[in-house]
Structure formats: structure tokens, C-alpha cells
């Protein structure tokens, strides 16, 4: 694990020790990034970050400390990008099952 610093809405900065286990992007039709989602594991749970409209003046940041995979699911929701992140990170969430 390493020291991580994430940017939040309104200039808030969240500092923690953890490792990124998944980072995914949804693209617009012109290949610009529409949304980024990142998931970090820490000693006491997870840190989730969602960035909507990055690299624009309309950028929106959301950060959340989550104690377990269910709280990650409650924060990120069920949109296709979130479901992709859950599968990539091999998280157990309602409605999805990781099969090896």
C-alpha cells in the first residue's frame, strides 16, 4: 500500500494509505472521457471516487469511504460502468457473481 491523495468537490482532498484495485472510464462517442470510477482498498475498507465530466469546466467529484462491498455498491450504483468495475475488482455485490 502507498500514500494516496484524491481530489474532491470544492477543493477537498482525501489522504489515505491504500492501493488502487480498479480504475475504469466511460467514453463519449468522440472518445473523450465522460466518467471515471476508481476503487481503492485500505486497511479498514474501501475508498471510492467518481469523476463526472473530467477535463471540463463542469467536472464533478464524489468521494466516499466504504466499509464493505455493499457500501461500495450503494455509492457507485448499478450503471454499466459500475458493474464493470465490480467485475474487474471481483467484488461480491447484489445481482452479480464472479465466476472463474
C-alpha atoms as a PDB file:
ATOM      1  CA  UNK A   1       0.000   0.000   0.000  1.00  0.00           C
ATOM      2  CA  UNK A   2       1.080   3.554  -0.601  1.00  0.00           C
ATOM      3  CA  UNK A   3       0.076   7.076   0.316  1.00  0.00           C
ATOM      4  CA  UNK A   4      -2.734   8.330  -1.949  1.00  0.00           C
ATOM      5  CA  UNK A   5      -4.265  11.771  -2.350  1.00  0.00           C
ATOM      6  CA  UNK A   6      -7.628  12.168  -4.118  1.00  0.00           C
ATOM      7  CA  UNK A   7      -9.321  15.389  -5.136  1.00  0.00           C
ATOM      8  CA  UNK A   8     -12.905  16.001  -4.073  1.00  0.00           C
ATOM      9  CA  UNK A   9     -15.601  18.567  -4.807  1.00  0.00           C
ATOM     10  CA  UNK A  10     -14.869  22.126  -3.673  1.00  0.00           C
ATOM     11  CA  UNK A  11     -11.133  21.560  -3.282  1.00  0.00           C
ATOM     12  CA  UNK A  12     -11.478  18.858  -0.637  1.00  0.00           C
ATOM     13  CA  UNK A  13      -8.501  16.491  -0.570  1.00  0.00           C
ATOM     14  CA  UNK A  14      -8.726  12.985   0.906  1.00  0.00           C
ATOM     15  CA  UNK A  15      -5.413  11.460   2.002  1.00  0.00           C
ATOM     16  CA  UNK A  16      -5.119   7.788   2.922  1.00  0.00           C
ATOM     17  CA  UNK A  17      -2.907   4.723   2.631  1.00  0.00           C
ATOM     18  CA  UNK A  18      -4.185   2.174   0.136  1.00  0.00           C
ATOM     19  CA  UNK A  19      -3.938   0.501  -3.257  1.00  0.00           C
ATOM     20  CA  UNK A  20      -5.993   1.073  -6.404  1.00  0.00           C
ATOM     21  CA  UNK A  21      -7.678  -2.205  -7.320  1.00  0.00           C
ATOM     22  CA  UNK A  22      -9.791  -0.878 -10.208  1.00  0.00           C
ATOM     23  CA  UNK A  23      -9.998   2.263 -12.330  1.00  0.00           C
ATOM     24  CA  UNK A  24     -12.410   2.409 -15.271  1.00  0.00           C
ATOM     25  CA  UNK A  25     -13.601   5.063 -17.736  1.00  0.00           C
ATOM     26  CA  UNK A  26     -16.741   5.536 -19.810  1.00  0.00           C
ATOM     27  CA  UNK A  27     -16.182   7.337 -23.109  1.00  0.00           C
ATOM     28  CA  UNK A  28     -18.299   9.651 -25.230  1.00  0.00           C
ATOM     29  CA  UNK A  29     -18.773   8.957 -28.952  1.00  0.00           C
ATOM     30  CA  UNK A  30     -15.688  11.128 -29.689  1.00  0.00           C
ATOM     31  CA  UNK A  31     -13.516   9.134 -27.228  1.00  0.00           C
ATOM     32  CA  UNK A  32     -13.439  11.874 -24.594  1.00  0.00           C
ATOM     33  CA  UNK A  33     -13.909  10.619 -21.055  1.00  0.00           C
ATOM     34  CA  UNK A  34     -17.456  11.015 -19.721  1.00  0.00           C
ATOM     35  CA  UNK A  35     -16.944   9.386 -16.318  1.00  0.00           C
ATOM     36  CA  UNK A  36     -14.113   7.841 -14.292  1.00  0.00           C
ATOM     37  CA  UNK A  37     -14.572   5.473 -11.358  1.00  0.00           C
ATOM     38  CA  UNK A  38     -11.767   4.314  -9.091  1.00  0.00           C
ATOM     39  CA  UNK A  39     -11.763   1.860  -6.210  1.00  0.00           C
ATOM     40  CA  UNK A  40      -9.030   1.705  -3.585  1.00  0.00           C
ATOM     41  CA  UNK A  41      -8.599  -0.867  -0.832  1.00  0.00           C
ATOM     42  CA  UNK A  42      -7.398   0.284   2.602  1.00  0.00           C
ATOM     43  CA  UNK A  43      -6.751  -1.450   5.905  1.00  0.00           C
ATOM     44  CA  UNK A  44     -10.296  -0.708   7.053  1.00  0.00           C
ATOM     45  CA  UNK A  45     -12.341  -0.957   3.836  1.00  0.00           C
ATOM     46  CA  UNK A  46     -12.539   0.893   0.545  1.00  0.00           C
ATOM     47  CA  UNK A  47     -12.326   4.412  -0.891  1.00  0.00           C
ATOM     48  CA  UNK A  48     -14.477   5.148  -3.962  1.00  0.00           C
ATOM     49  CA  UNK A  49     -14.025   8.062  -6.326  1.00  0.00           C
ATOM     50  CA  UNK A  50     -16.310   9.084  -9.154  1.00  0.00           C
ATOM     51  CA  UNK A  51     -15.380  11.925 -11.510  1.00  0.00           C
ATOM     52  CA  UNK A  52     -18.020  13.113 -13.987  1.00  0.00           C
ATOM     53  CA  UNK A  53     -17.019  15.243 -16.991  1.00  0.00           C
ATOM     54  CA  UNK A  54     -13.268  15.283 -16.198  1.00  0.00           C
ATOM     55  CA  UNK A  55     -11.164  17.846 -18.067  1.00  0.00           C
ATOM     56  CA  UNK A  56     -14.146  20.193 -18.480  1.00  0.00           C
ATOM     57  CA  UNK A  57     -15.379  23.209 -16.546  1.00  0.00           C
ATOM     58  CA  UNK A  58     -18.354  21.058 -15.459  1.00  0.00           C
ATOM     59  CA  UNK A  59     -16.209  18.471 -13.631  1.00  0.00           C
ATOM     60  CA  UNK A  60     -17.862  16.906 -10.569  1.00  0.00           C
ATOM     61  CA  UNK A  61     -16.041  14.846  -7.935  1.00  0.00           C
ATOM     62  CA  UNK A  62     -17.548  12.405  -5.470  1.00  0.00           C
ATOM     63  CA  UNK A  63     -15.592  10.552  -2.787  1.00  0.00           C
ATOM     64  CA  UNK A  64     -16.768   8.038  -0.231  1.00  0.00           C
ATOM     65  CA  UNK A  65     -15.199   5.856   2.462  1.00  0.00           C
ATOM     66  CA  UNK A  66     -16.902   2.459   2.378  1.00  0.00           C
ATOM     67  CA  UNK A  67     -16.616  -0.261   4.991  1.00  0.00           C
ATOM     68  CA  UNK A  68     -17.536  -3.190   2.709  1.00  0.00           C
ATOM     69  CA  UNK A  69     -18.519  -4.182  -0.834  1.00  0.00           C
ATOM     70  CA  UNK A  70     -22.212  -3.468  -0.168  1.00  0.00           C
ATOM     71  CA  UNK A  71     -21.470   0.155   0.745  1.00  0.00           C
ATOM     72  CA  UNK A  72     -19.330   0.451  -2.420  1.00  0.00           C
ATOM     73  CA  UNK A  73     -22.361  -0.812  -4.368  1.00  0.00           C
ATOM     74  CA  UNK A  74     -24.654   1.679  -2.615  1.00  0.00           C
ATOM     75  CA  UNK A  75     -22.304   4.551  -3.513  1.00  0.00           C
ATOM     76  CA  UNK A  76     -21.494   3.689  -7.143  1.00  0.00           C
ATOM     77  CA  UNK A  77     -24.861   2.198  -8.115  1.00  0.00           C
ATOM     78  CA  UNK A  78     -25.828  -0.128 -10.952  1.00  0.00           C
ATOM     79  CA  UNK A  79     -24.886   1.671 -14.140  1.00  0.00           C
ATOM     80  CA  UNK A  80     -22.865  -0.393 -16.632  1.00  0.00           C
ATOM     81  CA  UNK A  81     -19.541   1.276 -15.747  1.00  0.00           C
ATOM     82  CA  UNK A  82     -20.031   0.471 -12.055  1.00  0.00           C
ATOM     83  CA  UNK A  83     -20.931  -3.132 -12.895  1.00  0.00           C
ATOM     84  CA  UNK A  84     -17.747  -3.393 -14.976  1.00  0.00           C
ATOM     85  CA  UNK A  85     -15.721  -2.053 -12.028  1.00  0.00           C
ATOM     86  CA  UNK A  86     -17.288  -4.612  -9.648  1.00  0.00           C
ATOM     87  CA  UNK A  87     -16.400  -7.454 -12.001  1.00  0.00           C
ATOM     88  CA  UNK A  88     -12.875  -6.178 -12.589  1.00  0.00           C
ATOM     89  CA  UNK A  89     -12.285  -5.831  -8.825  1.00  0.00           C
ATOM     90  CA  UNK A  90     -14.030  -9.192  -8.188  1.00  0.00           C
ATOM     91  CA  UNK A  91     -16.404  -7.610  -5.651  1.00  0.00           C
ATOM     92  CA  UNK A  92     -19.448  -9.501  -4.473  1.00  0.00           C
ATOM     93  CA  UNK A  93     -22.460  -7.229  -4.979  1.00  0.00           C
ATOM     94  CA  UNK A  94     -26.207  -7.885  -5.354  1.00  0.00           C
ATOM     95  CA  UNK A  95     -27.119  -9.230  -8.789  1.00  0.00           C
ATOM     96  CA  UNK A  96     -23.575 -10.051  -9.928  1.00  0.00           C
ATOM     97  CA  UNK A  97     -21.471 -13.150  -9.401  1.00  0.00           C
ATOM     98  CA  UNK A  98     -17.812 -13.644 -10.232  1.00  0.00           C
ATOM     99  CA  UNK A  99     -17.283 -16.981 -11.986  1.00  0.00           C
ATOM    100  CA  UNK A 100     -13.769 -18.289 -12.596  1.00  0.00           C
END
